Protein backbone atom coordinates (compact mmCIF):
# COMPACT_ATOMS: atom_id res chain seq x y z
CA MET A 1 128.65 82.36 123.44
CA ASP A 2 125.50 83.77 125.04
CA LYS A 3 127.32 84.09 128.38
CA PHE A 4 130.20 85.86 126.64
CA LEU A 5 127.86 88.33 124.96
CA ASP A 6 126.06 88.94 128.25
CA ASP A 7 129.38 89.63 129.95
CA MET A 8 130.33 92.04 127.17
CA GLU A 9 127.00 93.81 127.53
CA ARG A 10 127.59 94.31 131.23
CA GLU A 11 130.98 95.89 130.50
CA LYS A 12 129.40 98.68 128.43
CA PRO A 13 129.19 102.12 130.04
CA ILE A 14 125.75 102.87 131.46
CA ARG A 15 123.93 106.04 130.39
CA PHE A 16 122.05 107.86 133.13
CA THR A 17 119.47 110.56 132.64
CA SER A 18 119.86 113.95 134.28
CA GLN A 19 116.85 113.12 136.44
CA GLN A 20 118.47 109.91 137.72
CA LEU A 21 121.57 111.83 138.73
CA TRP A 22 119.50 114.61 140.26
CA ILE A 23 117.67 112.09 142.45
CA ALA A 24 120.78 110.05 143.29
CA THR A 25 122.71 113.12 144.47
CA ASP A 26 119.77 114.67 146.34
CA ASN A 27 119.81 117.72 144.08
CA PHE A 28 123.64 117.73 144.03
CA ALA A 29 123.68 118.53 147.73
CA ASN A 30 126.84 116.74 148.89
CA LEU A 31 129.92 118.25 147.24
CA LEU A 32 132.96 116.00 147.64
CA GLY A 33 135.41 118.25 145.87
CA SER A 34 136.23 120.03 142.65
CA GLY A 35 139.09 120.26 140.19
CA GLY A 36 140.01 121.79 136.88
CA PHE A 37 137.51 119.72 134.92
CA GLY A 38 134.47 119.48 137.16
CA ALA A 39 132.81 119.23 140.56
CA VAL A 40 132.23 115.85 142.23
CA TYR A 41 129.11 115.01 144.24
CA LYS A 42 128.28 112.02 146.41
CA GLY A 43 125.23 110.03 145.42
CA MET A 44 123.36 106.79 145.99
CA PHE A 45 121.11 104.88 143.59
CA SER A 46 117.91 103.16 144.65
CA ASN A 47 119.68 99.79 144.94
CA GLY A 48 122.03 101.22 147.57
CA THR A 49 125.06 101.61 145.29
CA MET A 50 127.20 104.56 146.37
CA VAL A 51 128.60 106.66 143.52
CA ALA A 52 130.59 109.80 142.87
CA VAL A 53 129.11 112.00 140.14
CA LYS A 54 131.49 114.37 138.38
CA VAL A 55 129.67 117.23 136.64
CA LEU A 56 131.95 118.44 133.88
CA TYR A 57 132.89 122.07 133.47
CA GLY A 58 132.71 123.47 129.99
CA SER A 59 129.61 121.51 129.07
CA SER A 60 127.59 124.65 129.62
CA ASP A 61 127.95 128.09 131.11
CA LYS A 62 124.68 127.56 132.98
CA ARG A 63 124.28 126.54 136.60
CA ILE A 64 123.64 122.84 137.32
CA GLU A 65 119.93 123.50 137.90
CA GLU A 66 119.62 125.18 134.50
CA GLN A 67 121.54 122.39 132.80
CA PHE A 68 119.23 119.84 134.42
CA MET A 69 116.12 121.64 133.23
CA ALA A 70 117.53 121.81 129.71
CA GLU A 71 118.57 118.10 129.78
CA ASN A 72 122.10 118.96 128.73
CA LEU A 73 123.92 118.04 131.93
CA ARG A 74 127.19 116.24 131.19
CA ALA A 75 128.56 114.10 133.99
CA LEU A 76 130.63 111.00 134.69
CA VAL A 77 129.53 108.44 137.29
CA TYR A 78 132.26 106.66 139.25
CA GLU A 79 132.48 104.07 141.97
CA TYR A 80 132.45 105.86 145.31
CA MET A 81 135.80 105.43 147.05
CA GLU A 82 135.01 105.54 150.73
CA ASN A 83 138.43 106.55 152.05
CA GLY A 84 139.02 109.35 149.58
CA SER A 85 142.45 110.22 148.23
CA LEU A 86 145.83 109.07 149.50
CA ASP A 87 147.13 112.57 150.18
CA LYS A 88 145.05 113.04 153.32
CA PHE A 89 146.67 109.94 154.85
CA LEU A 90 150.18 111.08 153.92
CA PHE A 91 150.00 114.79 154.67
CA GLY A 92 146.98 115.25 156.92
CA GLU A 93 146.61 114.60 160.61
CA ASP A 94 145.07 111.16 160.01
CA LYS A 95 148.23 109.10 159.42
CA LYS A 96 146.78 105.80 160.57
CA LEU A 97 148.14 103.73 157.68
CA GLY A 98 150.91 101.37 158.72
CA PHE A 99 153.99 100.43 156.73
CA GLN A 100 152.52 97.28 155.17
CA GLN A 101 149.36 99.14 154.14
CA LEU A 102 151.42 101.87 152.52
CA ARG A 103 153.53 99.30 150.69
CA ALA A 104 150.38 97.56 149.45
CA ILE A 105 149.03 100.90 148.20
CA ALA A 106 152.32 101.55 146.38
CA VAL A 107 152.22 98.12 144.72
CA GLY A 108 148.53 98.46 143.82
CA THR A 109 149.08 101.89 142.30
CA ALA A 110 152.05 100.61 140.29
CA LYS A 111 149.89 97.76 138.97
CA GLY A 112 147.20 100.22 137.95
CA ILE A 113 149.65 102.34 135.96
CA ALA A 114 151.21 99.21 134.43
CA TYR A 115 147.73 98.21 133.25
CA LEU A 116 147.24 101.59 131.57
CA HIS A 117 150.62 101.39 129.86
CA GLU A 118 150.87 97.75 128.92
CA GLU A 119 147.53 95.93 129.03
CA CYS A 120 144.94 98.31 127.56
CA GLN A 121 144.22 98.03 123.83
CA HIS A 122 145.71 101.50 123.41
CA ARG A 123 148.38 102.75 125.79
CA ILE A 124 147.06 105.37 128.19
CA ILE A 125 149.48 107.98 129.52
CA HIS A 126 148.02 109.54 132.65
CA TYR A 127 150.30 112.61 132.93
CA ASP A 128 149.22 113.50 136.49
CA ILE A 129 150.16 110.72 138.91
CA LYS A 130 150.17 112.12 142.45
CA PRO A 131 148.68 111.25 145.89
CA GLY A 132 145.56 113.31 145.24
CA ASN A 133 144.79 111.14 142.21
CA VAL A 134 145.09 107.82 144.04
CA LEU A 135 141.74 106.93 145.58
CA LEU A 136 141.22 104.34 148.32
CA ASP A 137 138.18 102.13 148.75
CA ALA A 138 136.76 100.84 152.05
CA LYS A 139 139.59 98.27 152.28
CA PHE A 140 142.24 100.84 151.30
CA LEU A 141 142.72 99.25 147.88
CA PRO A 142 144.04 101.97 145.54
CA LYS A 143 142.69 103.03 142.18
CA VAL A 144 144.27 105.57 139.84
CA ALA A 145 141.79 108.39 139.17
CA ASP A 146 141.32 111.69 137.33
CA PHE A 147 142.09 111.13 133.67
CA GLY A 148 141.48 114.74 132.69
CA LEU A 149 145.02 115.09 131.28
CA ALA A 150 145.35 111.52 130.01
CA LYS A 151 146.12 110.67 126.40
CA LEU A 152 145.53 107.54 124.29
CA CYS A 153 148.33 106.49 121.97
CA ASN A 154 149.13 103.55 119.72
CA ARG A 155 151.85 101.25 121.01
CA GLU A 156 153.76 101.76 117.76
CA ASN A 157 154.09 105.46 118.59
CA THR A 158 156.77 105.48 121.26
CA HIS A 159 156.80 109.29 121.51
CA VAL A 160 153.84 111.64 121.87
CA LYS A 161 153.88 115.29 120.88
CA MET A 162 152.66 117.73 123.51
CA THR A 163 150.43 120.70 122.79
CA GLY A 164 151.07 122.31 126.18
CA GLY A 165 152.43 121.70 129.66
CA ARG A 166 150.85 118.86 131.62
CA GLY A 167 151.19 117.46 135.07
CA THR A 168 151.68 118.91 138.53
CA PRO A 169 154.97 120.62 139.48
CA GLY A 170 156.89 118.43 141.88
CA TYR A 171 155.56 115.25 140.24
CA ALA A 172 155.84 116.01 136.51
CA ALA A 173 158.86 114.60 134.68
CA PRO A 174 161.43 117.15 133.41
CA GLU A 175 160.64 116.37 129.77
CA LEU A 176 157.03 117.52 130.24
CA TRP A 177 158.31 121.09 130.57
CA ALA A 178 160.47 120.91 127.45
CA PRO A 179 159.38 121.35 123.81
CA PHE A 180 160.00 117.71 122.92
CA ALA A 181 157.91 114.59 122.36
CA VAL A 182 157.48 112.48 125.49
CA THR A 183 156.90 108.81 126.30
CA HIS A 184 154.87 106.90 128.87
CA LYS A 185 157.98 107.00 131.07
CA CYS A 186 156.79 110.41 132.32
CA ASP A 187 154.26 108.48 134.44
CA VAL A 188 157.11 106.35 135.82
CA TYR A 189 158.86 109.51 137.01
CA SER A 190 155.69 110.79 138.67
CA PHE A 191 155.18 107.44 140.39
CA GLY A 192 158.73 107.67 141.73
CA MET A 193 157.96 111.04 143.29
CA LEU A 194 154.76 109.58 144.74
CA LEU A 195 156.73 106.63 146.13
CA PHE A 196 159.12 108.98 147.93
CA GLU A 197 156.13 110.57 149.67
CA ILE A 198 154.72 107.17 150.60
CA ILE A 199 158.06 106.25 152.17
CA GLY A 200 158.38 109.51 154.08
CA LYS A 201 154.68 110.03 154.85
CA ARG A 202 155.37 113.70 154.07
CA ARG A 203 155.58 116.05 151.10
CA ASN A 204 158.83 115.79 149.21
CA LEU A 205 159.51 119.47 149.87
CA ALA A 206 159.05 120.42 153.53
CA ARG A 207 160.31 123.36 155.59
CA ASN A 208 159.55 122.01 159.06
CA VAL A 209 162.42 119.49 159.02
CA PRO A 210 166.22 119.72 159.33
CA GLU A 211 167.74 121.50 156.31
CA SER A 212 169.41 118.33 155.00
CA GLN A 213 165.98 116.67 154.77
CA GLU A 214 164.07 119.57 153.18
CA TRP A 215 163.88 117.92 149.79
CA PHE A 216 163.24 114.29 150.64
CA PRO A 217 164.36 112.63 147.36
CA THR A 218 167.93 113.94 147.62
CA TRP A 219 168.10 112.87 151.26
CA VAL A 220 166.93 109.37 150.28
CA TRP A 221 169.69 109.28 147.66
CA LYS A 222 172.29 110.16 150.32
CA MET A 223 170.97 107.34 152.52
CA VAL A 224 171.25 104.84 149.64
CA GLU A 225 174.68 106.13 148.58
CA THR A 226 176.04 105.70 152.11
CA SER A 227 174.09 102.48 152.82
CA ASN A 228 172.46 104.25 155.75
CA SER A 229 168.85 103.10 155.56
CA VAL A 230 168.79 102.76 159.35
CA GLU A 231 168.75 106.55 159.81
CA LEU A 232 165.90 106.92 157.34
CA MET A 233 163.93 104.19 159.11
CA MET A 234 164.37 105.96 162.43
CA VAL A 235 163.24 109.29 160.98
CA CYS A 236 160.23 107.69 159.26
CA GLY A 237 159.31 105.51 162.23
CA PHE A 238 159.78 102.14 160.51
CA GLU A 239 160.53 98.89 162.35
CA ASP A 240 163.69 96.84 161.89
CA LYS A 241 161.75 93.99 160.30
CA ASP A 242 160.81 96.29 157.40
CA GLN A 243 164.39 97.29 156.52
CA ASP A 244 164.72 95.13 153.39
CA THR A 245 161.38 96.34 152.04
CA THR A 246 162.27 99.95 152.83
CA GLU A 247 165.56 99.68 150.94
CA ARG A 248 163.74 98.10 148.02
CA MET A 249 161.24 100.97 147.90
CA MET A 250 164.02 103.56 148.14
CA LYS A 251 165.98 102.07 145.24
CA THR A 252 162.83 101.67 143.15
CA ALA A 253 161.90 105.32 143.65
CA LEU A 254 165.41 106.44 142.64
CA TRP A 255 165.28 104.36 139.46
CA CYS A 256 161.88 105.81 138.58
CA VAL A 257 163.10 109.42 138.76
CA GLN A 258 166.17 109.03 136.56
CA HIS A 259 166.42 112.08 134.33
CA ARG A 260 166.66 110.20 131.04
CA PRO A 261 163.34 108.46 130.30
CA GLU A 262 165.08 105.42 128.81
CA SER A 263 166.89 104.91 132.13
CA ARG A 264 163.59 104.46 133.97
CA PRO A 265 162.10 100.96 134.22
CA SER A 266 158.69 100.11 132.82
CA MET A 267 155.86 99.99 135.35
CA SER A 268 155.60 96.20 135.12
CA ILE A 269 159.24 96.05 136.17
CA VAL A 270 158.51 98.53 138.96
CA VAL A 271 155.85 96.13 140.24
CA LYS A 272 158.35 93.28 140.28
CA MET A 273 160.89 95.48 142.07
CA LEU A 274 158.41 96.36 144.81
CA GLU A 275 157.19 92.78 145.18
CA GLY A 276 160.72 91.41 145.52
CA ALA A 277 160.63 89.40 142.28
CA LEU A 278 163.76 91.14 140.95
CA GLU A 279 167.09 92.09 142.38
CA ILE A 280 167.43 95.86 142.15
CA PRO A 281 170.79 97.22 140.99
CA THR A 282 172.12 100.22 142.86
CA PRO A 283 170.72 103.24 141.00
CA PRO A 284 172.93 106.08 139.79
CA ASN A 285 172.43 109.51 141.28
CA PRO A 286 169.46 111.07 139.44
CA PHE A 287 170.16 114.54 140.83
CA PRO A 288 172.87 117.04 139.79
CA ALA A 289 175.59 118.13 142.20
CA TYR A 290 174.08 121.53 142.95
CA LEU A 291 170.87 119.88 144.14
CA MET A 292 172.77 117.65 146.50
CA GLU A 293 174.37 120.72 148.05
CA SER A 294 171.38 123.06 148.18
CA ASN A 295 168.31 120.78 148.24
CA VAL A 296 166.68 122.76 145.43
CA VAL A 297 163.77 121.11 143.65
CA PRO A 298 164.93 120.10 140.14
CA ASN A 299 163.78 121.85 137.00
CA ASN A 300 164.64 121.28 133.36
CA ASN A 301 168.42 121.27 133.80
CA ASN A 302 170.21 118.65 131.80
CA ILE A 303 170.90 115.67 134.05
CA SER A 304 172.38 112.56 132.53
CA SER A 305 172.50 108.92 133.52
CA SER A 306 174.62 106.32 131.78
CA THR A 307 172.39 103.42 132.78
CA THR A 308 169.61 102.16 130.52
CA TRP A 309 167.29 99.18 130.89
CA THR A 310 168.79 96.97 128.20
CA ASN A 311 168.21 93.60 129.82
CA THR A 312 164.96 92.15 128.46
CA SER A 313 163.74 91.38 131.96
CA PHE A 314 163.75 95.12 132.68
CA LEU A 315 161.95 96.40 129.58
């Protein structure tokens, strides 16, 4: 019992003083980046532990120095992720990640989202899954980050009412832009869009490619529909030995972005799909006809799919 209580104690969040954070960040000298909710600084504690300190906006209208002097600095301290966010490895010049590493990152990210949806005491809907919010440690193990838009909900409440638009265009599910209650399946959709970009090692919408490939998800659908994964592998630079895994990732992504939320698999099923523990049925076309012809990024148009995950193994 004593060991259990000690373990529980260690799991509690640690409170740091403003002075500790001031010293650890060397007067907030090393800015790593900033977003809508705060600025992130690199720091190191006296025991050598590297951290990322996010100073929250809105806690005060004063500068950091003034907040420190007044002892009202509000900040979150995170594990420092040495390799930064996934987007720089997908869209930047440093594309050193190989196919198996990218697949492992996809599986790891799916497991992280499945944990938020299915294993936490209260379900957590992230609302902003995208490459910039997947951080990589020194071994390129992924962790889902930036919960500024996230929402806790009871598992009994299958639908959550929205008070405003959430998510990032291009990744956000169609229902997030409509005046209706949403489910955790909006994260599944966003993961599908992320998975397309992992497969292509490019942004889903690109202008520097042949017109037929401008919007990558519709091109992937055409490859699946015509059983032509070989062409996609050539374009993406994959090896023949990775064909089965590539096809599995393509089908998984297409299932994730089905327009109807109930047609999307749960994230635990997505994990099994990616790991090869389930046979993946051929997905229906998630995109309307006009998109297939013009490669326009989808909006809130009504797209339907007749397939739902009714088998208990896919819930």
